[in-house]
Amino acid sequence: MGHNFTFLQKSVASEHWDSYVLLDNQSTCHVFKNKSLLVNIQPALTPIAIHSTAGTSYADTVGYIPHFLDPVYICESGIANILSFAKVRSAGCEIIYNGDVDAFVVYGPTQSLSFHRLPLGLYGHQVQTTGVCLVDTVDSLAAGYSPRQVAAAKLARRAMSMMGSPSMDTFKFMVRDNLINNCPVTLESIRVANDAFGPDVASLQGKMVQRTPDRVDPTLVAIPPEVISRNLNVIVVADLMFVNGLPFLVSIS
């Protein structure tokens, strides 16, 4: 039986760790103690041995976090739910440290999670459990930003509503090109608002479904005979012109 190896640091056990997920940069795989946070639990194709200062444990069962592809090993004799920093990064998630709130913010394809520093010095995210899903509220998504950033994000969302809820790309274009006089909104506050509060519903309504384009009826205009008679013999001259090594075709008639 082949084994992969991971390292799990143990300390004083406590029941409240069941509701926390720790981000660990010394773990080589994901290991959860609380299997109620996972779905699709099944035998592992490759069992692993978990080595720590308390000894060696074996995990032969895996589960999955909803909307997350990597398997998570289940070790009910452990004391914590651990996400491997390296595995999360390899899955394509961006991880940024926010020094203002002392937290690591993990950006996924549709949402973000904030791992704040806990009293023991570990960085963890407390989850709400409903069935077998990890549920993120607006408060938890905004927790990775400072109060000033959240206030600026609310101002950006309010300004977007006052302008008639344009699309996100249009709103960014208006702010970037200074098309709005005395507008305190920045591109950064727009990004934070979209991350913490999600897409603006009003700007999406009626814009996400493909509409049937208007039919175009071509209108052909006849060329006047006098124009044709004056342009029967046209001399066209073309040549290649190079600018910084790039060729351009230049023509004149």
C-alpha atoms as a PDB file:
ATOM      1  CA  MET A   1       0.000   0.000   0.000  1.00  0.00           C
ATOM      2  CA  GLY A   2       1.607   3.264  -1.131  1.00  0.00           C
ATOM      3  CA  HIS A   3       1.459   6.221   1.217  1.00  0.00           C
ATOM      4  CA  ASN A   4       1.795   9.955   0.694  1.00  0.00           C
ATOM      5  CA  PHE A   5       2.970  11.945   3.676  1.00  0.00           C
ATOM      6  CA  THR A   6       1.686  15.098   5.348  1.00  0.00           C
ATOM      7  CA  PHE A   7       2.506  16.803   8.607  1.00  0.00           C
ATOM      8  CA  LEU A   8      -0.121  17.688  11.191  1.00  0.00           C
ATOM      9  CA  GLN A   9       0.849  19.729  14.215  1.00  0.00           C
ATOM     10  CA  LYS A  10      -1.093  18.797  17.338  1.00  0.00           C
ATOM     11  CA  SER A  11      -1.705  20.836  20.460  1.00  0.00           C
ATOM     12  CA  VAL A  12      -4.396  20.985  23.119  1.00  0.00           C
ATOM     13  CA  ALA A  13      -7.620  19.557  21.682  1.00  0.00           C
ATOM     14  CA  SER A  14     -10.788  21.653  21.791  1.00  0.00           C
ATOM     15  CA  GLU A  15     -14.279  21.077  20.423  1.00  0.00           C
ATOM     16  CA  HIS A  16     -14.541  24.563  18.945  1.00  0.00           C
ATOM     17  CA  TRP A  17     -11.959  23.663  16.280  1.00  0.00           C
ATOM     18  CA  ASP A  18     -14.690  21.688  14.481  1.00  0.00           C
ATOM     19  CA  SER A  19     -16.104  24.943  13.101  1.00  0.00           C
ATOM     20  CA  TYR A  20     -12.745  26.333  11.956  1.00  0.00           C
ATOM     21  CA  VAL A  21     -10.762  25.636   8.792  1.00  0.00           C
ATOM     22  CA  LEU A  22      -7.047  26.379   9.130  1.00  0.00           C
ATOM     23  CA  LEU A  23      -4.777  27.479   6.288  1.00  0.00           C
ATOM     24  CA  ASP A  24      -1.501  25.597   6.822  1.00  0.00           C
ATOM     25  CA  ASN A  25       1.637  26.236   4.781  1.00  0.00           C
ATOM     26  CA  GLN A  26       3.358  23.128   6.199  1.00  0.00           C
ATOM     27  CA  SER A  27       0.755  20.574   5.105  1.00  0.00           C
ATOM     28  CA  THR A  28       1.107  18.660   1.850  1.00  0.00           C
ATOM     29  CA  CYS A  29      -2.599  17.797   1.519  1.00  0.00           C
ATOM     30  CA  HIS A  30      -6.024  18.765   2.865  1.00  0.00           C
ATOM     31  CA  VAL A  31      -7.029  16.979   6.093  1.00  0.00           C
ATOM     32  CA  PHE A  32     -10.355  17.542   7.919  1.00  0.00           C
ATOM     33  CA  LYS A  33     -11.414  16.324  11.349  1.00  0.00           C
ATOM     34  CA  ASN A  34     -15.064  17.308  10.914  1.00  0.00           C
ATOM     35  CA  LYS A  35     -16.481  15.265   8.039  1.00  0.00           C
ATOM     36  CA  SER A  36     -19.843  17.050   8.243  1.00  0.00           C
ATOM     37  CA  LEU A  37     -18.213  19.894   6.298  1.00  0.00           C
ATOM     38  CA  LEU A  38     -17.672  17.581   3.327  1.00  0.00           C
ATOM     39  CA  VAL A  39     -19.799  15.861   0.702  1.00  0.00           C
ATOM     40  CA  ASN A  40     -19.390  12.739  -1.434  1.00  0.00           C
ATOM     41  CA  ILE A  41     -17.438  10.841   1.243  1.00  0.00           C
ATOM     42  CA  GLN A  42     -15.792   7.690  -0.135  1.00  0.00           C
ATOM     43  CA  PRO A  43     -12.769   5.408   0.323  1.00  0.00           C
ATOM     44  CA  ALA A  44      -9.495   7.008  -0.734  1.00  0.00           C
ATOM     45  CA  LEU A  45      -7.707   5.651  -3.768  1.00  0.00           C
ATOM     46  CA  THR A  46      -4.387   6.249  -1.980  1.00  0.00           C
ATOM     47  CA  PRO A  47      -4.453   6.172   1.843  1.00  0.00           C
ATOM     48  CA  ILE A  48      -1.960   8.432   3.607  1.00  0.00           C
ATOM     49  CA  ALA A  49       0.059   8.387   6.820  1.00  0.00           C
ATOM     50  CA  ILE A  50      -0.098  11.588   8.884  1.00  0.00           C
ATOM     51  CA  HIS A  51       3.018  12.151  10.988  1.00  0.00           C
ATOM     52  CA  SER A  52       3.054  14.565  13.929  1.00  0.00           C
ATOM     53  CA  THR A  53       4.692  14.984  17.304  1.00  0.00           C
ATOM     54  CA  ALA A  54       1.851  12.902  18.787  1.00  0.00           C
ATOM     55  CA  GLY A  55       2.580   9.929  16.559  1.00  0.00           C
ATOM     56  CA  THR A  56       1.279   8.600  13.240  1.00  0.00           C
ATOM     57  CA  SER A  57      -2.327   8.403  12.077  1.00  0.00           C
ATOM     58  CA  TYR A  58      -3.738   6.878   8.908  1.00  0.00           C
ATOM     59  CA  ALA A  59      -6.471   8.313   6.704  1.00  0.00           C
ATOM     60  CA  ASP A  60      -8.214   6.081   4.177  1.00  0.00           C
ATOM     61  CA  THR A  61     -11.363   8.142   3.517  1.00  0.00           C
ATOM     62  CA  VAL A  62     -11.820  11.299   1.497  1.00  0.00           C
ATOM     63  CA  GLY A  63     -14.578  13.830   0.964  1.00  0.00           C
ATOM     64  CA  TYR A  64     -15.023  16.970  -1.079  1.00  0.00           C
ATOM     65  CA  ILE A  65     -15.711  20.608  -0.303  1.00  0.00           C
ATOM     66  CA  PRO A  66     -18.647  21.822  -2.444  1.00  0.00           C
ATOM     67  CA  HIS A  67     -17.406  23.523  -5.653  1.00  0.00           C
ATOM     68  CA  PHE A  68     -13.804  22.453  -4.880  1.00  0.00           C
ATOM     69  CA  LEU A  69     -12.199  19.689  -6.945  1.00  0.00           C
ATOM     70  CA  ASP A  70      -9.343  18.541  -4.702  1.00  0.00           C
ATOM     71  CA  PRO A  71     -10.111  15.618  -2.357  1.00  0.00           C
ATOM     72  CA  VAL A  72      -9.932  16.197   1.403  1.00  0.00           C
ATOM     73  CA  TYR A  73      -8.696  13.372   3.645  1.00  0.00           C
ATOM     74  CA  ILE A  74     -10.731  12.649   6.774  1.00  0.00           C
ATOM     75  CA  CYS A  75      -8.898  12.037  10.043  1.00  0.00           C
ATOM     76  CA  GLU A  76     -11.419  12.062  12.894  1.00  0.00           C
ATOM     77  CA  SER A  77      -8.644  11.499  15.432  1.00  0.00           C
ATOM     78  CA  GLY A  78      -7.109  14.850  14.485  1.00  0.00           C
ATOM     79  CA  ILE A  79      -7.878  18.147  16.173  1.00  0.00           C
ATOM     80  CA  ALA A  80      -8.466  20.535  13.264  1.00  0.00           C
ATOM     81  CA  ASN A  81      -9.650  20.986   9.692  1.00  0.00           C
ATOM     82  CA  ILE A  82      -6.622  21.862   7.583  1.00  0.00           C
ATOM     83  CA  LEU A  83      -6.330  23.250   4.069  1.00  0.00           C
ATOM     84  CA  SER A  84      -2.909  22.940   2.493  1.00  0.00           C
ATOM     85  CA  PHE A  85      -1.592  26.363   1.445  1.00  0.00           C
ATOM     86  CA  ALA A  86       0.332  24.816  -1.457  1.00  0.00           C
ATOM     87  CA  LYS A  87      -2.635  22.732  -2.651  1.00  0.00           C
ATOM     88  CA  VAL A  88      -4.974  25.732  -2.565  1.00  0.00           C
ATOM     89  CA  ARG A  89      -2.458  27.737  -4.570  1.00  0.00           C
ATOM     90  CA  SER A  90      -1.990  24.894  -7.062  1.00  0.00           C
ATOM     91  CA  ALA A  91      -5.773  24.767  -7.553  1.00  0.00           C
ATOM     92  CA  GLY A  92      -5.561  28.241  -9.127  1.00  0.00           C
ATOM     93  CA  CYS A  93      -6.675  30.290  -6.122  1.00  0.00           C
ATOM     94  CA  GLU A  94      -4.880  33.565  -5.466  1.00  0.00           C
ATOM     95  CA  ILE A  95      -3.761  34.083  -1.858  1.00  0.00           C
ATOM     96  CA  ILE A  96      -3.034  37.624  -0.639  1.00  0.00           C
ATOM     97  CA  TYR A  97      -2.058  38.749   2.852  1.00  0.00           C
ATOM     98  CA  ASN A  98      -3.997  41.804   4.087  1.00  0.00           C
ATOM     99  CA  GLY A  99      -1.892  43.464   6.752  1.00  0.00           C
ATOM    100  CA  ASP A 100      -4.649  45.912   7.722  1.00  0.00           C
ATOM    101  CA  VAL A 101      -6.768  43.117   9.212  1.00  0.00           C
ATOM    102  CA  ASP A 102      -3.997  40.504   9.669  1.00  0.00           C
ATOM    103  CA  ALA A 103      -5.640  37.918   7.442  1.00  0.00           C
ATOM    104  CA  PHE A 104      -4.913  35.784   4.395  1.00  0.00           C
ATOM    105  CA  VAL A 105      -7.589  36.243   1.712  1.00  0.00           C
ATOM    106  CA  VAL A 106      -8.083  33.329  -0.677  1.00  0.00           C
ATOM    107  CA  TYR A 107      -9.691  34.355  -3.978  1.00  0.00           C
ATOM    108  CA  GLY A 108     -11.589  31.580  -5.741  1.00  0.00           C
ATOM    109  CA  PRO A 109     -13.382  31.732  -9.095  1.00  0.00           C
ATOM    110  CA  THR A 110     -16.677  32.953  -7.575  1.00  0.00           C
ATOM    111  CA  GLN A 111     -15.952  34.020  -4.008  1.00  0.00           C
ATOM    112  CA  SER A 112     -13.245  34.719  -1.449  1.00  0.00           C
ATOM    113  CA  LEU A 113     -12.487  33.431   2.039  1.00  0.00           C
ATOM    114  CA  SER A 114     -10.604  35.274   4.782  1.00  0.00           C
ATOM    115  CA  PHE A 115      -8.370  33.403   7.205  1.00  0.00           C
ATOM    116  CA  HIS A 116      -7.822  35.617  10.261  1.00  0.00           C
ATOM    117  CA  ARG A 117      -5.156  35.183  12.907  1.00  0.00           C
ATOM    118  CA  LEU A 118      -6.524  33.244  15.877  1.00  0.00           C
ATOM    119  CA  PRO A 119      -5.385  33.612  19.506  1.00  0.00           C
ATOM    120  CA  LEU A 120      -3.065  30.592  19.181  1.00  0.00           C
ATOM    121  CA  GLY A 121      -1.275  32.213  16.229  1.00  0.00           C
ATOM    122  CA  LEU A 122      -2.918  30.084  13.529  1.00  0.00           C
ATOM    123  CA  TYR A 123      -4.836  31.540  10.592  1.00  0.00           C
ATOM    124  CA  GLY A 124      -8.358  30.146  10.355  1.00  0.00           C
ATOM    125  CA  HIS A 125     -11.787  30.712   8.846  1.00  0.00           C
ATOM    126  CA  GLN A 126     -14.889  29.983  10.907  1.00  0.00           C
ATOM    127  CA  VAL A 127     -17.659  28.413   8.855  1.00  0.00           C
ATOM    128  CA  GLN A 128     -21.397  28.181   9.309  1.00  0.00           C
ATOM    129  CA  THR A 129     -22.648  24.637   8.785  1.00  0.00           C
ATOM    130  CA  THR A 130     -25.976  23.981   7.081  1.00  0.00           C
ATOM    131  CA  GLY A 131     -26.159  20.346   6.078  1.00  0.00           C
ATOM    132  CA  VAL A 132     -22.914  19.678   4.273  1.00  0.00           C
ATOM    133  CA  CYS A 133     -22.160  23.068   2.715  1.00  0.00           C
ATOM    134  CA  LEU A 134     -19.706  25.802   3.560  1.00  0.00           C
ATOM    135  CA  VAL A 135     -21.800  28.975   3.619  1.00  0.00           C
ATOM    136  CA  ASP A 136     -20.241  32.416   3.211  1.00  0.00           C
ATOM    137  CA  THR A 137     -22.165  35.508   4.283  1.00  0.00           C
ATOM    138  CA  VAL A 138     -21.507  39.089   3.207  1.00  0.00           C
ATOM    139  CA  ASP A 139     -19.952  39.727   6.622  1.00  0.00           C
ATOM    140  CA  SER A 140     -17.453  36.910   6.193  1.00  0.00           C
ATOM    141  CA  LEU A 141     -16.566  37.998   2.650  1.00  0.00           C
ATOM    142  CA  ALA A 142     -16.082  41.626   3.732  1.00  0.00           C
ATOM    143  CA  ALA A 143     -14.049  40.590   6.777  1.00  0.00           C
ATOM    144  CA  GLY A 144     -10.888  40.450   4.688  1.00  0.00           C
ATOM    145  CA  TYR A 145     -10.991  44.214   4.110  1.00  0.00           C
ATOM    146  CA  SER A 146     -10.477  47.193   6.372  1.00  0.00           C
ATOM    147  CA  PRO A 147     -13.468  49.379   7.425  1.00  0.00           C
ATOM    148  CA  ARG A 148     -12.231  52.105   5.086  1.00  0.00           C
ATOM    149  CA  GLN A 149     -12.182  49.691   2.126  1.00  0.00           C
ATOM    150  CA  VAL A 150     -15.701  48.455   2.947  1.00  0.00           C
ATOM    151  CA  ALA A 151     -16.989  52.046   3.214  1.00  0.00           C
ATOM    152  CA  ALA A 152     -15.437  52.889  -0.168  1.00  0.00           C
ATOM    153  CA  ALA A 153     -16.996  49.745  -1.662  1.00  0.00           C
ATOM    154  CA  LYS A 154     -20.452  50.755  -0.386  1.00  0.00           C
ATOM    155  CA  LEU A 155     -19.949  54.215  -1.901  1.00  0.00           C
ATOM    156  CA  ALA A 156     -18.999  52.634  -5.244  1.00  0.00           C
ATOM    157  CA  ARG A 157     -22.108  50.444  -5.231  1.00  0.00           C
ATOM    158  CA  ARG A 158     -24.316  53.466  -4.340  1.00  0.00           C
ATOM    159  CA  ALA A 159     -22.758  55.541  -7.154  1.00  0.00           C
ATOM    160  CA  MET A 160     -23.367  52.677  -9.580  1.00  0.00           C
ATOM    161  CA  SER A 161     -27.034  52.636  -8.615  1.00  0.00           C
ATOM    162  CA  MET A 162     -27.355  56.439  -8.978  1.00  0.00           C
ATOM    163  CA  MET A 163     -26.007  56.202 -12.540  1.00  0.00           C
ATOM    164  CA  GLY A 164     -28.759  53.820 -13.582  1.00  0.00           C
ATOM    165  CA  SER A 165     -26.877  50.580 -12.875  1.00  0.00           C
ATOM    166  CA  PRO A 166     -24.571  50.417 -15.906  1.00  0.00           C
ATOM    167  CA  SER A 167     -22.647  47.237 -16.625  1.00  0.00           C
ATOM    168  CA  MET A 168     -19.488  46.605 -14.635  1.00  0.00           C
ATOM    169  CA  ASP A 169     -17.260  47.189 -17.669  1.00  0.00           C
ATOM    170  CA  THR A 170     -19.032  50.465 -18.491  1.00  0.00           C
ATOM    171  CA  PHE A 171     -18.790  51.661 -14.896  1.00  0.00           C
ATOM    172  CA  LYS A 172     -15.065  50.882 -14.786  1.00  0.00           C
ATOM    173  CA  PHE A 173     -14.584  52.704 -18.105  1.00  0.00           C
ATOM    174  CA  MET A 174     -16.370  55.799 -16.774  1.00  0.00           C
ATOM    175  CA  VAL A 175     -14.246  55.864 -13.625  1.00  0.00           C
ATOM    176  CA  ARG A 176     -10.961  55.060 -15.379  1.00  0.00           C
ATOM    177  CA  ASP A 177     -11.392  57.818 -18.006  1.00  0.00           C
ATOM    178  CA  ASN A 178     -12.667  60.423 -15.501  1.00  0.00           C
ATOM    179  CA  LEU A 179     -16.004  60.809 -17.288  1.00  0.00           C
ATOM    180  CA  ILE A 180     -17.729  61.641 -13.971  1.00  0.00           C
ATOM    181  CA  ASN A 181     -16.810  64.974 -12.405  1.00  0.00           C
ATOM    182  CA  ASN A 182     -15.747  64.930  -8.728  1.00  0.00           C
ATOM    183  CA  CYS A 183     -16.328  61.188  -8.423  1.00  0.00           C
ATOM    184  CA  PRO A 184     -14.568  59.699  -5.345  1.00  0.00           C
ATOM    185  CA  VAL A 185     -14.969  56.123  -6.638  1.00  0.00           C
ATOM    186  CA  THR A 186     -11.797  54.268  -7.637  1.00  0.00           C
ATOM    187  CA  LEU A 187     -11.216  51.058  -9.582  1.00  0.00           C
ATOM    188  CA  GLU A 188     -10.022  49.410  -6.369  1.00  0.00           C
ATOM    189  CA  SER A 189     -13.279  50.225  -4.541  1.00  0.00           C
ATOM    190  CA  ILE A 190     -15.241  48.776  -7.477  1.00  0.00           C
ATOM    191  CA  ARG A 191     -13.229  45.545  -7.236  1.00  0.00           C
ATOM    192  CA  VAL A 192     -13.742  45.314  -3.473  1.00  0.00           C
ATOM    193  CA  ALA A 193     -17.497  45.909  -3.871  1.00  0.00           C
ATOM    194  CA  ASN A 194     -17.789  43.164  -6.461  1.00  0.00           C
ATOM    195  CA  ASP A 195     -15.774  40.781  -4.281  1.00  0.00           C
ATOM    196  CA  ALA A 196     -17.517  41.503  -0.964  1.00  0.00           C
ATOM    197  CA  PHE A 197     -21.092  42.077  -2.143  1.00  0.00           C
ATOM    198  CA  GLY A 198     -21.158  40.045  -5.336  1.00  0.00           C
ATOM    199  CA  PRO A 199     -22.344  41.249  -8.761  1.00  0.00           C
ATOM    200  CA  ASP A 200     -24.829  44.120  -8.761  1.00  0.00           C
ATOM    201  CA  VAL A 201     -28.231  42.529  -9.422  1.00  0.00           C
ATOM    202  CA  ALA A 202     -29.747  45.632 -11.031  1.00  0.00           C
ATOM    203  CA  SER A 203     -26.909  45.869 -13.558  1.00  0.00           C
ATOM    204  CA  LEU A 204     -27.374  42.218 -14.547  1.00  0.00           C
ATOM    205  CA  GLN A 205     -31.142  42.212 -15.050  1.00  0.00           C
ATOM    206  CA  GLY A 206     -32.035  42.090 -18.717  1.00  0.00           C
ATOM    207  CA  LYS A 207     -28.394  41.947 -19.800  1.00  0.00           C
ATOM    208  CA  MET A 208     -27.337  38.352 -19.242  1.00  0.00           C
ATOM    209  CA  VAL A 209     -29.698  36.709 -21.757  1.00  0.00           C
ATOM    210  CA  GLN A 210     -28.867  36.988 -25.441  1.00  0.00           C
ATOM    211  CA  ARG A 211     -31.332  39.205 -27.231  1.00  0.00           C
ATOM    212  CA  THR A 212     -32.520  38.736 -30.820  1.00  0.00           C
ATOM    213  CA  PRO A 213     -30.713  41.373 -32.893  1.00  0.00           C
ATOM    214  CA  ASP A 214     -32.685  43.776 -35.081  1.00  0.00           C
ATOM    215  CA  ARG A 215     -32.955  42.708 -38.661  1.00  0.00           C
ATOM    216  CA  VAL A 216     -30.787  44.671 -41.065  1.00  0.00           C
ATOM    217  CA  ASP A 217     -32.221  45.318 -44.535  1.00  0.00           C
ATOM    218  CA  PRO A 218     -29.377  46.295 -46.882  1.00  0.00           C
ATOM    219  CA  THR A 219     -30.022  49.289 -49.107  1.00  0.00           C
ATOM    220  CA  LEU A 220     -28.121  49.405 -52.395  1.00  0.00           C
ATOM    221  CA  VAL A 221     -27.460  52.814 -53.904  1.00  0.00           C
ATOM    222  CA  ALA A 222     -26.730  52.990 -57.623  1.00  0.00           C
ATOM    223  CA  ILE A 223     -23.532  54.798 -58.591  1.00  0.00           C
ATOM    224  CA  PRO A 224     -24.265  57.796 -60.836  1.00  0.00           C
ATOM    225  CA  PRO A 225     -23.074  57.339 -64.453  1.00  0.00           C
ATOM    226  CA  GLU A 226     -21.006  60.540 -64.382  1.00  0.00           C
ATOM    227  CA  VAL A 227     -18.969  59.232 -61.440  1.00  0.00           C
ATOM    228  CA  ILE A 228     -18.288  55.961 -63.278  1.00  0.00           C
ATOM    229  CA  SER A 229     -17.290  57.791 -66.497  1.00  0.00           C
ATOM    230  CA  ARG A 230     -14.768  59.947 -64.620  1.00  0.00           C
ATOM    231  CA  ASN A 231     -13.131  56.977 -62.875  1.00  0.00           C
ATOM    232  CA  LEU A 232     -12.772  54.417 -65.649  1.00  0.00           C
ATOM    233  CA  ASN A 233      -8.981  54.577 -65.545  1.00  0.00           C
ATOM    234  CA  VAL A 234      -7.655  54.449 -61.974  1.00  0.00           C
ATOM    235  CA  ILE A 235      -3.958  53.965 -61.225  1.00  0.00           C
ATOM    236  CA  VAL A 236      -3.228  52.295 -57.914  1.00  0.00           C
ATOM    237  CA  VAL A 237       0.303  52.414 -56.473  1.00  0.00           C
ATOM    238  CA  ALA A 238       1.260  50.307 -53.436  1.00  0.00           C
ATOM    239  CA  ASP A 239       4.479  49.677 -51.600  1.00  0.00           C
ATOM    240  CA  LEU A 240       5.736  48.262 -48.305  1.00  0.00           C
ATOM    241  CA  MET A 241       6.902  50.672 -45.606  1.00  0.00           C
ATOM    242  CA  PHE A 242       8.821  49.480 -42.531  1.00  0.00           C
ATOM    243  CA  VAL A 243       8.502  51.208 -39.153  1.00  0.00           C
ATOM    244  CA  ASN A 244      10.701  49.783 -36.386  1.00  0.00           C
ATOM    245  CA  GLY A 245      10.919  46.558 -38.352  1.00  0.00           C
ATOM    246  CA  LEU A 246       7.130  46.235 -38.770  1.00  0.00           C
ATOM    247  CA  PRO A 247       5.863  46.111 -42.374  1.00  0.00           C
ATOM    248  CA  PHE A 248       2.944  48.323 -43.453  1.00  0.00           C
ATOM    249  CA  LEU A 249       1.212  48.296 -46.860  1.00  0.00           C
ATOM    250  CA  VAL A 250       0.807  51.844 -48.157  1.00  0.00           C
ATOM    251  CA  SER A 251      -1.314  52.541 -51.241  1.00  0.00           C
ATOM    252  CA  ILE A 252      -2.499  55.595 -53.157  1.00  0.00           C
ATOM    253  CA  SER A 253      -4.745  56.020 -56.182  1.00  0.00           C
END
